[in-house]
């Protein structure tokens, strides 16, 4: 399963459908943090820095909205593929952190309710 609504934007670049498939493949493991939430939107922007001819000239920015929460990552590398790899790692870290925090708060609240039901304090 992968993100269904991915919008691609190109600025000073001409990437083909292979790059779109590559991004979709790289972002598909992040779906595990989404769950059953239907409100998921993803935007990917490819930009080639116009003032440079070599070096770090390829910029990729990814915005993922899950419900009302925005997860965002941006990277500038020599190739679009390398930038996508860095962006995916950043998004994975950010989404994992939020997922872990949400579940730990849920468990803490559940423990509190169980204690109140058990001992009536």
PDB file of N, CA and C in Angstrom:
ATOM      1  N   UNK A   1       0.846  -1.174   0.000  1.00  0.00           N
ATOM      2  CA  UNK A   1       0.000   0.000   0.000  1.00  0.00           C
ATOM      3  C   UNK A   1       0.892   1.239   0.000  1.00  0.00           C
ATOM      4  N   UNK A   2       0.485   2.256  -0.704  1.00  0.00           N
ATOM      5  CA  UNK A   2       1.262   3.487  -0.807  1.00  0.00           C
ATOM      6  C   UNK A   2       0.322   4.673  -0.644  1.00  0.00           C
ATOM      7  N   UNK A   3       0.924   5.855  -0.566  1.00  0.00           N
ATOM      8  CA  UNK A   3       0.117   7.067  -0.505  1.00  0.00           C
ATOM      9  C   UNK A   3      -0.687   7.182  -1.794  1.00  0.00           C
ATOM     10  N   UNK A   4      -1.971   7.479  -1.662  1.00  0.00           N
ATOM     11  CA  UNK A   4      -2.850   7.561  -2.822  1.00  0.00           C
ATOM     12  C   UNK A   4      -2.795   8.924  -3.495  1.00  0.00           C
ATOM     13  N   UNK A   5      -2.741   9.965  -2.702  1.00  0.00           N
ATOM     14  CA  UNK A   5      -2.799  11.327  -3.236  1.00  0.00           C
ATOM     15  C   UNK A   5      -1.426  11.977  -3.176  1.00  0.00           C
ATOM     16  N   UNK A   6      -0.607  11.740  -4.181  1.00  0.00           N
ATOM     17  CA  UNK A   6       0.701  12.386  -4.242  1.00  0.00           C
ATOM     18  C   UNK A   6       0.669  13.405  -5.375  1.00  0.00           C
ATOM     19  N   UNK A   7       0.956  14.656  -5.040  1.00  0.00           N
ATOM     20  CA  UNK A   7       0.996  15.721  -6.016  1.00  0.00           C
ATOM     21  C   UNK A   7       2.457  16.075  -6.268  1.00  0.00           C
ATOM     22  N   UNK A   8       2.845  16.097  -7.539  1.00  0.00           N
ATOM     23  CA  UNK A   8       4.220  16.414  -7.907  1.00  0.00           C
ATOM     24  C   UNK A   8       4.278  17.812  -8.505  1.00  0.00           C
ATOM     25  N   UNK A   9       5.293  18.576  -8.104  1.00  0.00           N
ATOM     26  CA  UNK A   9       5.510  19.918  -8.633  1.00  0.00           C
ATOM     27  C   UNK A   9       6.957  19.998  -9.091  1.00  0.00           C
ATOM     28  N   UNK A  10       7.182  20.614 -10.238  1.00  0.00           N
ATOM     29  CA  UNK A  10       8.523  20.736 -10.806  1.00  0.00           C
ATOM     30  C   UNK A  10       8.855  22.209 -11.011  1.00  0.00           C
ATOM     31  N   UNK A  11      10.027  22.622 -10.522  1.00  0.00           N
ATOM     32  CA  UNK A  11      10.506  23.984 -10.704  1.00  0.00           C
ATOM     33  C   UNK A  11      11.898  23.910 -11.307  1.00  0.00           C
ATOM     34  N   UNK A  12      12.041  24.437 -12.509  1.00  0.00           N
ATOM     35  CA  UNK A  12      13.313  24.420 -13.241  1.00  0.00           C
ATOM     36  C   UNK A  12      13.877  23.013 -13.410  1.00  0.00           C
ATOM     37  N   UNK A  13      13.026  22.030 -13.456  1.00  0.00           N
ATOM     38  CA  UNK A  13      13.491  20.646 -13.614  1.00  0.00           C
ATOM     39  C   UNK A  13      12.543  19.911 -14.555  1.00  0.00           C
ATOM     40  N   UNK A  14      13.041  18.842 -15.100  1.00  0.00           N
ATOM     41  CA  UNK A  14      12.213  18.007 -15.962  1.00  0.00           C
ATOM     42  C   UNK A  14      12.464  16.542 -15.587  1.00  0.00           C
ATOM     43  N   UNK A  15      11.720  16.066 -14.606  1.00  0.00           N
ATOM     44  CA  UNK A  15      11.820  14.671 -14.205  1.00  0.00           C
ATOM     45  C   UNK A  15      10.704  13.901 -14.888  1.00  0.00           C
ATOM     46  N   UNK A  16      10.931  12.620 -15.064  1.00  0.00           N
ATOM     47  CA  UNK A  16       9.957  11.801 -15.785  1.00  0.00           C
ATOM     48  C   UNK A  16       9.180  10.911 -14.822  1.00  0.00           C
ATOM     49  N   UNK A  17       8.404  10.005 -15.376  1.00  0.00           N
ATOM     50  CA  UNK A  17       7.566   9.131 -14.558  1.00  0.00           C
ATOM     51  C   UNK A  17       8.403   8.138 -13.747  1.00  0.00           C
ATOM     52  N   UNK A  18       9.642   7.861 -14.187  1.00  0.00           N
ATOM     53  CA  UNK A  18      10.510   6.980 -13.394  1.00  0.00           C
ATOM     54  C   UNK A  18      10.783   7.595 -12.030  1.00  0.00           C
ATOM     55  N   UNK A  19      10.995   8.894 -12.007  1.00  0.00           N
ATOM     56  CA  UNK A  19      11.250   9.577 -10.733  1.00  0.00           C
ATOM     57  C   UNK A  19       9.993   9.561  -9.863  1.00  0.00           C
ATOM     58  N   UNK A  20       8.826   9.716 -10.469  1.00  0.00           N
ATOM     59  CA  UNK A  20       7.577   9.661  -9.716  1.00  0.00           C
ATOM     60  C   UNK A  20       7.398   8.275  -9.108  1.00  0.00           C
ATOM     61  N   UNK A  21       7.688   7.235  -9.869  1.00  0.00           N
ATOM     62  CA  UNK A  21       7.596   5.867  -9.351  1.00  0.00           C
ATOM     63  C   UNK A  21       8.611   5.631  -8.240  1.00  0.00           C
ATOM     64  N   UNK A  22       9.808   6.188  -8.395  1.00  0.00           N
ATOM     65  CA  UNK A  22      10.862   6.057  -7.392  1.00  0.00           C
ATOM     66  C   UNK A  22      10.423   6.698  -6.072  1.00  0.00           C
ATOM     67  N   UNK A  23       9.844   7.888  -6.139  1.00  0.00           N
ATOM     68  CA  UNK A  23       9.379   8.589  -4.939  1.00  0.00           C
ATOM     69  C   UNK A  23       8.246   7.806  -4.284  1.00  0.00           C
ATOM     70  N   UNK A  24       7.311   7.317  -5.085  1.00  0.00           N
ATOM     71  CA  UNK A  24       6.206   6.540  -4.546  1.00  0.00           C
ATOM     72  C   UNK A  24       6.719   5.291  -3.839  1.00  0.00           C
ATOM     73  N   UNK A  25       7.686   4.628  -4.424  1.00  0.00           N
ATOM     74  CA  UNK A  25       8.271   3.435  -3.826  1.00  0.00           C
ATOM     75  C   UNK A  25       8.996   3.781  -2.516  1.00  0.00           C
ATOM     76  N   UNK A  26       9.732   4.880  -2.485  1.00  0.00           N
ATOM     77  CA  UNK A  26      10.476   5.269  -1.296  1.00  0.00           C
ATOM     78  C   UNK A  26       9.555   5.706  -0.154  1.00  0.00           C
ATOM     79  N   UNK A  27       8.437   6.342  -0.483  1.00  0.00           N
ATOM     80  CA  UNK A  27       7.539   6.836   0.557  1.00  0.00           C
ATOM     81  C   UNK A  27       6.532   5.796   1.035  1.00  0.00           C
ATOM     82  N   UNK A  28       6.391   4.688   0.331  1.00  0.00           N
ATOM     83  CA  UNK A  28       5.383   3.696   0.698  1.00  0.00           C
ATOM     84  C   UNK A  28       5.583   3.083   2.084  1.00  0.00           C
ATOM     85  N   UNK A  29       6.808   2.869   2.603  1.00  0.00           N
ATOM     86  CA  UNK A  29       6.920   2.338   3.970  1.00  0.00           C
ATOM     87  C   UNK A  29       6.403   3.283   5.055  1.00  0.00           C
ATOM     88  N   UNK A  30       6.235   4.553   4.756  1.00  0.00           N
ATOM     89  CA  UNK A  30       5.762   5.510   5.752  1.00  0.00           C
ATOM     90  C   UNK A  30       4.274   5.369   6.032  1.00  0.00           C
ATOM     91  N   UNK A  31       3.580   4.569   5.243  1.00  0.00           N
ATOM     92  CA  UNK A  31       2.144   4.389   5.419  1.00  0.00           C
ATOM     93  C   UNK A  31       1.847   3.720   6.757  1.00  0.00           C
ATOM     94  N   UNK A  32       2.791   2.956   7.296  1.00  0.00           N
ATOM     95  CA  UNK A  32       2.560   2.261   8.567  1.00  0.00           C
ATOM     96  C   UNK A  32       2.306   3.232   9.710  1.00  0.00           C
ATOM     97  N   UNK A  33       2.758   4.478   9.599  1.00  0.00           N
ATOM     98  CA  UNK A  33       2.518   5.463  10.645  1.00  0.00           C
ATOM     99  C   UNK A  33       1.180   6.171  10.485  1.00  0.00           C
ATOM    100  N   UNK A  34       0.540   5.986   9.350  1.00  0.00           N
ATOM    101  CA  UNK A  34      -0.716   6.672   9.071  1.00  0.00           C
ATOM    102  C   UNK A  34      -1.876   5.963   9.735  1.00  0.00           C
ATOM    103  N   UNK A  35      -1.928   4.639   9.647  1.00  0.00           N
ATOM    104  CA  UNK A  35      -3.033   3.882  10.214  1.00  0.00           C
ATOM    105  C   UNK A  35      -4.227   3.907   9.277  1.00  0.00           C
ATOM    106  N   UNK A  36      -5.398   3.964   9.865  1.00  0.00           N
ATOM    107  CA  UNK A  36      -6.621   3.918   9.057  1.00  0.00           C
ATOM    108  C   UNK A  36      -7.155   5.304   8.743  1.00  0.00           C
ATOM    109  N   UNK A  37      -6.365   6.321   8.952  1.00  0.00           N
ATOM    110  CA  UNK A  37      -6.796   7.687   8.696  1.00  0.00           C
ATOM    111  C   UNK A  37      -6.905   7.933   7.189  1.00  0.00           C
ATOM    112  N   UNK A  38      -8.084   8.358   6.732  1.00  0.00           N
ATOM    113  CA  UNK A  38      -8.310   8.589   5.306  1.00  0.00           C
ATOM    114  C   UNK A  38      -7.827   9.960   4.849  1.00  0.00           C
ATOM    115  N   UNK A  39      -7.599  10.857   5.771  1.00  0.00           N
ATOM    116  CA  UNK A  39      -7.191  12.217   5.439  1.00  0.00           C
ATOM    117  C   UNK A  39      -5.675  12.291   5.283  1.00  0.00           C
ATOM    118  N   UNK A  40      -5.156  11.751   4.195  1.00  0.00           N
ATOM    119  CA  UNK A  40      -3.719  11.768   3.949  1.00  0.00           C
ATOM    120  C   UNK A  40      -3.472  12.430   2.604  1.00  0.00           C
ATOM    121  N   UNK A  41      -2.563  13.415   2.614  1.00  0.00           N
ATOM    122  CA  UNK A  41      -2.210  14.109   1.378  1.00  0.00           C
ATOM    123  C   UNK A  41      -0.701  14.298   1.359  1.00  0.00           C
ATOM    124  N   UNK A  42      -0.109  14.152   0.195  1.00  0.00           N
ATOM    125  CA  UNK A  42       1.338  14.245   0.072  1.00  0.00           C
ATOM    126  C   UNK A  42       1.676  15.123  -1.129  1.00  0.00           C
ATOM    127  N   UNK A  43       2.600  16.055  -0.923  1.00  0.00           N
ATOM    128  CA  UNK A  43       3.085  16.917  -1.998  1.00  0.00           C
ATOM    129  C   UNK A  43       4.590  16.775  -2.097  1.00  0.00           C
ATOM    130  N   UNK A  44       5.089  16.583  -3.312  1.00  0.00           N
ATOM    131  CA  UNK A  44       6.519  16.446  -3.559  1.00  0.00           C
ATOM    132  C   UNK A  44       6.918  17.512  -4.563  1.00  0.00           C
ATOM    133  N   UNK A  45       7.953  18.288  -4.221  1.00  0.00           N
ATOM    134  CA  UNK A  45       8.437  19.331  -5.118  1.00  0.00           C
ATOM    135  C   UNK A  45       9.881  19.048  -5.509  1.00  0.00           C
ATOM    136  N   UNK A  46      10.130  19.037  -6.808  1.00  0.00           N
ATOM    137  CA  UNK A  46      11.477  18.893  -7.354  1.00  0.00           C
ATOM    138  C   UNK A  46      11.920  20.257  -7.868  1.00  0.00           C
ATOM    139  N   UNK A  47      13.104  20.682  -7.478  1.00  0.00           N
ATOM    140  CA  UNK A  47      13.611  21.967  -7.952  1.00  0.00           C
ATOM    141  C   UNK A  47      15.099  21.838  -8.270  1.00  0.00           C
ATOM    142  N   UNK A  48      15.467  22.362  -9.406  1.00  0.00           N
ATOM    143  CA  UNK A  48      16.874  22.433  -9.773  1.00  0.00           C
ATOM    144  C   UNK A  48      17.308  23.871  -9.559  1.00  0.00           C
ATOM    145  N   UNK A  49      18.342  24.049  -8.734  1.00  0.00           N
ATOM    146  CA  UNK A  49      18.845  25.383  -8.422  1.00  0.00           C
ATOM    147  C   UNK A  49      19.367  26.019  -9.707  1.00  0.00           C
ATOM    148  N   UNK A  50      18.806  27.148 -10.107  1.00  0.00           N
ATOM    149  CA  UNK A  50      19.121  27.769 -11.391  1.00  0.00           C
ATOM    150  C   UNK A  50      20.490  28.443 -11.409  1.00  0.00           C
ATOM    151  N   UNK A  51      20.951  28.901 -10.260  1.00  0.00           N
ATOM    152  CA  UNK A  51      22.197  29.657 -10.270  1.00  0.00           C
ATOM    153  C   UNK A  51      23.434  28.764 -10.225  1.00  0.00           C
ATOM    154  N   UNK A  52      23.282  27.469 -10.035  1.00  0.00           N
ATOM    155  CA  UNK A  52      24.418  26.565  -9.955  1.00  0.00           C
ATOM    156  C   UNK A  52      24.441  25.618 -11.150  1.00  0.00           C
ATOM    157  N   UNK A  53      25.622  25.175 -11.535  1.00  0.00           N
ATOM    158  CA  UNK A  53      25.744  24.176 -12.590  1.00  0.00           C
ATOM    159  C   UNK A  53      26.281  22.857 -12.056  1.00  0.00           C
ATOM    160  N   UNK A  54      26.928  22.881 -10.905  1.00  0.00           N
ATOM    161  CA  UNK A  54      27.435  21.659 -10.291  1.00  0.00           C
ATOM    162  C   UNK A  54      27.349  21.793  -8.777  1.00  0.00           C
ATOM    163  N   UNK A  55      27.564  20.679  -8.070  1.00  0.00           N
ATOM    164  CA  UNK A  55      27.474  20.694  -6.615  1.00  0.00           C
ATOM    165  C   UNK A  55      26.079  20.313  -6.177  1.00  0.00           C
ATOM    166  N   UNK A  56      25.628  20.895  -5.089  1.00  0.00           N
ATOM    167  CA  UNK A  56      24.314  20.594  -4.544  1.00  0.00           C
ATOM    168  C   UNK A  56      23.262  21.422  -5.285  1.00  0.00           C
ATOM    169  N   UNK A  57      22.699  20.846  -6.330  1.00  0.00           N
ATOM    170  CA  UNK A  57      21.796  21.616  -7.184  1.00  0.00           C
ATOM    171  C   UNK A  57      20.379  21.064  -7.218  1.00  0.00           C
ATOM    172  N   UNK A  58      20.137  19.878  -6.674  1.00  0.00           N
ATOM    173  CA  UNK A  58      18.816  19.248  -6.734  1.00  0.00           C
ATOM    174  C   UNK A  58      18.156  19.318  -5.366  1.00  0.00           C
ATOM    175  N   UNK A  59      17.017  19.986  -5.308  1.00  0.00           N
ATOM    176  CA  UNK A  59      16.287  20.142  -4.051  1.00  0.00           C
ATOM    177  C   UNK A  59      14.973  19.391  -4.137  1.00  0.00           C
ATOM    178  N   UNK A  60      14.671  18.615  -3.100  1.00  0.00           N
ATOM    179  CA  UNK A  60      13.405  17.900  -3.000  1.00  0.00           C
ATOM    180  C   UNK A  60      12.763  18.283  -1.681  1.00  0.00           C
ATOM    181  N   UNK A  61      11.491  18.653  -1.752  1.00  0.00           N
ATOM    182  CA  UNK A  61      10.721  19.008  -0.562  1.00  0.00           C
ATOM    183  C   UNK A  61       9.476  18.138  -0.539  1.00  0.00           C
ATOM    184  N   UNK A  62       9.193  17.520   0.595  1.00  0.00           N
ATOM    185  CA  UNK A  62       8.022  16.654   0.735  1.00  0.00           C
ATOM    186  C   UNK A  62       7.205  17.140   1.916  1.00  0.00           C
ATOM    187  N   UNK A  63       5.919  17.350   1.690  1.00  0.00           N
ATOM    188  CA  UNK A  63       4.960  17.699   2.733  1.00  0.00           C
ATOM    189  C   UNK A  63       3.922  16.594   2.795  1.00  0.00           C
ATOM    190  N   UNK A  64       3.703  16.053   3.995  1.00  0.00           N
ATOM    191  CA  UNK A  64       2.700  15.003   4.190  1.00  0.00           C
ATOM    192  C   UNK A  64       1.741  15.480   5.267  1.00  0.00           C
ATOM    193  N   UNK A  65       0.462  15.551   4.928  1.00  0.00           N
ATOM    194  CA  UNK A  65      -0.578  15.901   5.881  1.00  0.00           C
ATOM    195  C   UNK A  65      -1.319  14.642   6.270  1.00  0.00           C
ATOM    196  N   UNK A  66      -1.336  14.339   7.560  1.00  0.00           N
ATOM    197  CA  UNK A  66      -2.086  13.207   8.097  1.00  0.00           C
ATOM    198  C   UNK A  66      -3.078  13.789   9.081  1.00  0.00           C
ATOM    199  N   UNK A  67      -4.346  13.731   8.713  1.00  0.00           N
ATOM    200  CA  UNK A  67      -5.347  14.403   9.525  1.00  0.00           C
ATOM    201  C   UNK A  67      -5.101  15.892   9.461  1.00  0.00           C
ATOM    202  N   UNK A  68      -4.760  16.504  10.573  1.00  0.00           N
ATOM    203  CA  UNK A  68      -4.443  17.924  10.593  1.00  0.00           C
ATOM    204  C   UNK A  68      -2.976  18.190  10.873  1.00  0.00           C
ATOM    205  N   UNK A  69      -2.164  17.135  10.885  1.00  0.00           N
ATOM    206  CA  UNK A  69      -0.754  17.266  11.236  1.00  0.00           C
ATOM    207  C   UNK A  69       0.102  17.295   9.978  1.00  0.00           C
ATOM    208  N   UNK A  70       1.036  18.234   9.928  1.00  0.00           N
ATOM    209  CA  UNK A  70       1.942  18.360   8.792  1.00  0.00           C
ATOM    210  C   UNK A  70       3.301  17.789   9.161  1.00  0.00           C
ATOM    211  N   UNK A  71       3.792  16.909   8.310  1.00  0.00           N
ATOM    212  CA  UNK A  71       5.156  16.395   8.416  1.00  0.00           C
ATOM    213  C   UNK A  71       5.895  16.890   7.178  1.00  0.00           C
ATOM    214  N   UNK A  72       7.057  17.516   7.391  1.00  0.00           N
ATOM    215  CA  UNK A  72       7.746  18.169   6.290  1.00  0.00           C
ATOM    216  C   UNK A  72       9.228  17.854   6.345  1.00  0.00           C
ATOM    217  N   UNK A  73       9.812  17.633   5.163  1.00  0.00           N
ATOM    218  CA  UNK A  73      11.254  17.418   5.070  1.00  0.00           C
ATOM    219  C   UNK A  73      11.746  18.017   3.758  1.00  0.00           C
ATOM    220  N   UNK A  74      12.987  18.468   3.779  1.00  0.00           N
ATOM    221  CA  UNK A  74      13.590  19.111   2.611  1.00  0.00           C
ATOM    222  C   UNK A  74      15.065  18.727   2.567  1.00  0.00           C
ATOM    223  N   UNK A  75      15.577  18.531   1.345  1.00  0.00           N
ATOM    224  CA  UNK A  75      16.981  18.183   1.197  1.00  0.00           C
ATOM    225  C   UNK A  75      17.515  18.731  -0.118  1.00  0.00           C
ATOM    226  N   UNK A  76      18.797  19.127  -0.111  1.00  0.00           N
ATOM    227  CA  UNK A  76      19.498  19.576  -1.316  1.00  0.00           C
ATOM    228  C   UNK A  76      20.720  18.682  -1.487  1.00  0.00           C
ATOM    229  N   UNK A  77      20.778  17.977  -2.609  1.00  0.00           N
ATOM    230  CA  UNK A  77      21.869  17.033  -2.886  1.00  0.00           C
ATOM    231  C   UNK A  77      22.307  17.191  -4.340  1.00  0.00           C
ATOM    232  N   UNK A  78      23.258  16.340  -4.761  1.00  0.00           N
ATOM    233  CA  UNK A  78      23.740  16.392  -6.140  1.00  0.00           C
ATOM    234  C   UNK A  78      22.745  15.797  -7.122  1.00  0.00           C
ATOM    235  N   UNK A  79      21.986  14.786  -6.704  1.00  0.00           N
ATOM    236  CA  UNK A  79      20.981  14.163  -7.580  1.00  0.00           C
ATOM    237  C   UNK A  79      19.645  14.139  -6.859  1.00  0.00           C
ATOM    238  N   UNK A  80      18.587  14.021  -7.643  1.00  0.00           N
ATOM    239  CA  UNK A  80      17.256  13.932  -7.055  1.00  0.00           C
ATOM    240  C   UNK A  80      17.096  12.649  -6.249  1.00  0.00           C
ATOM    241  N   UNK A  81      17.698  11.555  -6.700  1.00  0.00           N
ATOM    242  CA  UNK A  81      17.584  10.283  -5.991  1.00  0.00           C
ATOM    243  C   UNK A  81      18.192  10.380  -4.590  1.00  0.00           C
ATOM    244  N   UNK A  82      19.363  10.998  -4.482  1.00  0.00           N
ATOM    245  CA  UNK A  82      20.007  11.163  -3.177  1.00  0.00           C
ATOM    246  C   UNK A  82      19.176  12.066  -2.272  1.00  0.00           C
ATOM    247  N   UNK A  83      18.601  13.107  -2.836  1.00  0.00           N
ATOM    248  CA  UNK A  83      17.765  14.015  -2.049  1.00  0.00           C
ATOM    249  C   UNK A  83      16.511  13.313  -1.547  1.00  0.00           C
ATOM    250  N   UNK A  84      15.920  12.457  -2.379  1.00  0.00           N
ATOM    251  CA  UNK A  84      14.734  11.699  -1.971  1.00  0.00           C
ATOM    252  C   UNK A  84      15.079  10.754  -0.826  1.00  0.00           C
ATOM    253  N   UNK A  85      16.247  10.120  -0.879  1.00  0.00           N
ATOM    254  CA  UNK A  85      16.667   9.223   0.197  1.00  0.00           C
ATOM    255  C   UNK A  85      16.796   9.962   1.525  1.00  0.00           C
ATOM    256  N   UNK A  86      17.397  11.138   1.503  1.00  0.00           N
ATOM    257  CA  UNK A  86      17.566  11.921   2.726  1.00  0.00           C
ATOM    258  C   UNK A  86      16.214  12.383   3.259  1.00  0.00           C
ATOM    259  N   UNK A  87      15.340  12.833   2.361  1.00  0.00           N
ATOM    260  CA  UNK A  87      14.011  13.298   2.759  1.00  0.00           C
ATOM    261  C   UNK A  87      13.211  12.159   3.376  1.00  0.00           C
ATOM    262  N   UNK A  88      13.300  10.977   2.793  1.00  0.00           N
ATOM    263  CA  UNK A  88      12.567   9.827   3.318  1.00  0.00           C
ATOM    264  C   UNK A  88      13.033   9.499   4.730  1.00  0.00           C
ATOM    265  N   UNK A  89      14.343   9.532   4.973  1.00  0.00           N
ATOM    266  CA  UNK A  89      14.865   9.254   6.307  1.00  0.00           C
ATOM    267  C   UNK A  89      14.391  10.292   7.323  1.00  0.00           C
ATOM    268  N   UNK A  90      14.384  11.559   6.921  1.00  0.00           N
ATOM    269  CA  UNK A  90      13.925  12.624   7.812  1.00  0.00           C
ATOM    270  C   UNK A  90      12.443  12.474   8.146  1.00  0.00           C
ATOM    271  N   UNK A  91      11.629  12.176   7.129  1.00  0.00           N
ATOM    272  CA  UNK A  91      10.200  11.974   7.360  1.00  0.00           C
ATOM    273  C   UNK A  91       9.949  10.761   8.242  1.00  0.00           C
ATOM    274  N   UNK A  92      10.700   9.699   8.013  1.00  0.00           N
ATOM    275  CA  UNK A  92      10.550   8.492   8.819  1.00  0.00           C
ATOM    276  C   UNK A  92      10.826   8.796  10.289  1.00  0.00           C
ATOM    277  N   UNK A  93      11.888   9.530  10.546  1.00  0.00           N
ATOM    278  CA  UNK A  93      12.237   9.887  11.928  1.00  0.00           C
ATOM    279  C   UNK A  93      11.152  10.747  12.564  1.00  0.00           C
ATOM    280  N   UNK A  94      10.673  11.735  11.824  1.00  0.00           N
ATOM    281  CA  UNK A  94       9.658  12.650  12.356  1.00  0.00           C
ATOM    282  C   UNK A  94       8.334  11.934  12.615  1.00  0.00           C
ATOM    283  N   UNK A  95       7.907  11.095  11.672  1.00  0.00           N
ATOM    284  CA  UNK A  95       6.643  10.386  11.828  1.00  0.00           C
ATOM    285  C   UNK A  95       6.745   9.310  12.912  1.00  0.00           C
ATOM    286  N   UNK A  96       7.876   8.647  13.025  1.00  0.00           N
ATOM    287  CA  UNK A  96       8.059   7.632  14.064  1.00  0.00           C
ATOM    288  C   UNK A  96       8.006   8.266  15.441  1.00  0.00           C
ATOM    289  N   UNK A  97       8.632   9.425  15.583  1.00  0.00           N
ATOM    290  CA  UNK A  97       8.650  10.128  16.865  1.00  0.00           C
ATOM    291  C   UNK A  97       7.227  10.517  17.291  1.00  0.00           C
ATOM    292  N   UNK A  98       6.443  11.058  16.366  1.00  0.00           N
ATOM    293  CA  UNK A  98       5.064  11.453  16.669  1.00  0.00           C
ATOM    294  C   UNK A  98       4.206  10.228  16.982  1.00  0.00           C
ATOM    295  N   UNK A  99       4.402   9.150  16.237  1.00  0.00           N
ATOM    296  CA  UNK A  99       3.647   7.912  16.440  1.00  0.00           C
ATOM    297  C   UNK A  99       3.941   7.338  17.827  1.00  0.00           C
ATOM    298  N   UNK A 100       5.218   7.315  18.195  1.00  0.00           N
ATOM    299  CA  UNK A 100       5.636   6.772  19.482  1.00  0.00           C
ATOM    300  C   UNK A 100       5.089   7.622  20.631  1.00  0.00           C
ATOM    301  N   UNK A 101       5.122   8.930  20.474  1.00  0.00           N
ATOM    302  CA  UNK A 101       4.621   9.830  21.507  1.00  0.00           C
ATOM    303  C   UNK A 101       3.116   9.654  21.698  1.00  0.00           C
ATOM    304  N   UNK A 102       2.389   9.553  20.597  1.00  0.00           N
ATOM    305  CA  UNK A 102       0.937   9.384  20.663  1.00  0.00           C
ATOM    306  C   UNK A 102       0.574   8.092  21.382  1.00  0.00           C
ATOM    307  N   UNK A 103       1.284   7.006  21.066  1.00  0.00           N
ATOM    308  CA  UNK A 103       0.971   5.720  21.684  1.00  0.00           C
ATOM    309  C   UNK A 103       1.390   5.662  23.147  1.00  0.00           C
ATOM    310  N   UNK A 104       2.488   6.316  23.512  1.00  0.00           N
ATOM    311  CA  UNK A 104       2.890   6.315  24.922  1.00  0.00           C
ATOM    312  C   UNK A 104       1.896   7.115  25.764  1.00  0.00           C
ATOM    313  N   UNK A 105       1.373   8.214  25.236  1.00  0.00           N
ATOM    314  CA  UNK A 105       0.347   8.974  25.956  1.00  0.00           C
ATOM    315  C   UNK A 105      -0.935   8.165  26.103  1.00  0.00           C
ATOM    316  N   UNK A 106      -1.287   7.418  25.062  1.00  0.00           N
ATOM    317  CA  UNK A 106      -2.477   6.572  25.118  1.00  0.00           C
ATOM    318  C   UNK A 106      -2.312   5.488  26.176  1.00  0.00           C
ATOM    319  N   UNK A 107      -1.148   4.857  26.217  1.00  0.00           N
ATOM    320  CA  UNK A 107      -0.898   3.810  27.210  1.00  0.00           C
ATOM    321  C   UNK A 107      -0.880   4.373  28.624  1.00  0.00           C
ATOM    322  N   UNK A 108      -0.283   5.544  28.794  1.00  0.00           N
ATOM    323  CA  UNK A 108      -0.235   6.155  30.118  1.00  0.00           C
ATOM    324  C   UNK A 108      -1.647   6.457  30.619  1.00  0.00           C
ATOM    325  N   UNK A 109      -2.499   6.972  29.727  1.00  0.00           N
ATOM    326  CA  UNK A 109      -3.880   7.242  30.099  1.00  0.00           C
ATOM    327  C   UNK A 109      -4.640   5.974  30.405  1.00  0.00           C
ATOM    328  N   UNK A 110      -4.380   4.924  29.646  1.00  0.00           N
ATOM    329  CA  UNK A 110      -5.052   3.649  29.890  1.00  0.00           C
ATOM    330  C   UNK A 110      -4.650   3.074  31.239  1.00  0.00           C
ATOM    331  N   UNK A 111      -3.374   3.169  31.591  1.00  0.00           N
ATOM    332  CA  UNK A 111      -2.915   2.690  32.893  1.00  0.00           C
ATOM    333  C   UNK A 111      -3.581   3.462  34.020  1.00  0.00           C
ATOM    334  N   UNK A 112      -3.718   4.755  33.852  1.00  0.00           N
ATOM    335  CA  UNK A 112      -4.339   5.601  34.874  1.00  0.00           C
ATOM    336  C   UNK A 112      -5.799   5.201  35.084  1.00  0.00           C
ATOM    337  N   UNK A 113      -6.512   4.973  33.989  1.00  0.00           N
ATOM    338  CA  UNK A 113      -7.921   4.566  34.085  1.00  0.00           C
ATOM    339  C   UNK A 113      -8.035   3.207  34.761  1.00  0.00           C
ATOM    340  N   UNK A 114      -7.145   2.283  34.422  1.00  0.00           N
ATOM    341  CA  UNK A 114      -7.173   0.958  35.027  1.00  0.00           C
ATOM    342  C   UNK A 114      -6.924   1.049  36.531  1.00  0.00           C
ATOM    343  N   UNK A 115      -5.963   1.879  36.953  1.00  0.00           N
ATOM    344  CA  UNK A 115      -5.708   2.063  38.373  1.00  0.00           C
ATOM    345  C   UNK A 115      -6.914   2.656  39.082  1.00  0.00           C
ATOM    346  N   UNK A 116      -7.580   3.616  38.446  1.00  0.00           N
ATOM    347  CA  UNK A 116      -8.756   4.224  39.068  1.00  0.00           C
ATOM    348  C   UNK A 116      -9.890   3.216  39.191  1.00  0.00           C
ATOM    349  N   UNK A 117     -10.047   2.372  38.209  1.00  0.00           N
ATOM    350  CA  UNK A 117     -11.111   1.362  38.258  1.00  0.00           C
ATOM    351  C   UNK A 117     -10.794   0.281  39.290  1.00  0.00           C
ATOM    352  N   UNK A 118      -9.531  -0.040  39.428  1.00  0.00           N
ATOM    353  CA  UNK A 118      -9.128  -1.123  40.322  1.00  0.00           C
ATOM    354  C   UNK A 118      -9.194  -0.696  41.791  1.00  0.00           C
ATOM    355  N   UNK A 119      -8.677   0.466  42.081  1.00  0.00           N
ATOM    356  CA  UNK A 119      -8.564   0.873  43.492  1.00  0.00           C
ATOM    357  C   UNK A 119      -9.470   2.036  43.862  1.00  0.00           C
ATOM    358  N   UNK A 120     -10.038   2.700  42.912  1.00  0.00           N
ATOM    359  CA  UNK A 120     -10.973   3.788  43.191  1.00  0.00           C
ATOM    360  C   UNK A 120     -10.355   4.986  43.886  1.00  0.00           C
ATOM    361  N   UNK A 121      -9.119   5.274  43.584  1.00  0.00           N
ATOM    362  CA  UNK A 121      -8.440   6.407  44.228  1.00  0.00           C
ATOM    363  C   UNK A 121      -8.823   7.708  43.601  1.00  0.00           C
TER     364      UNK A 121
END
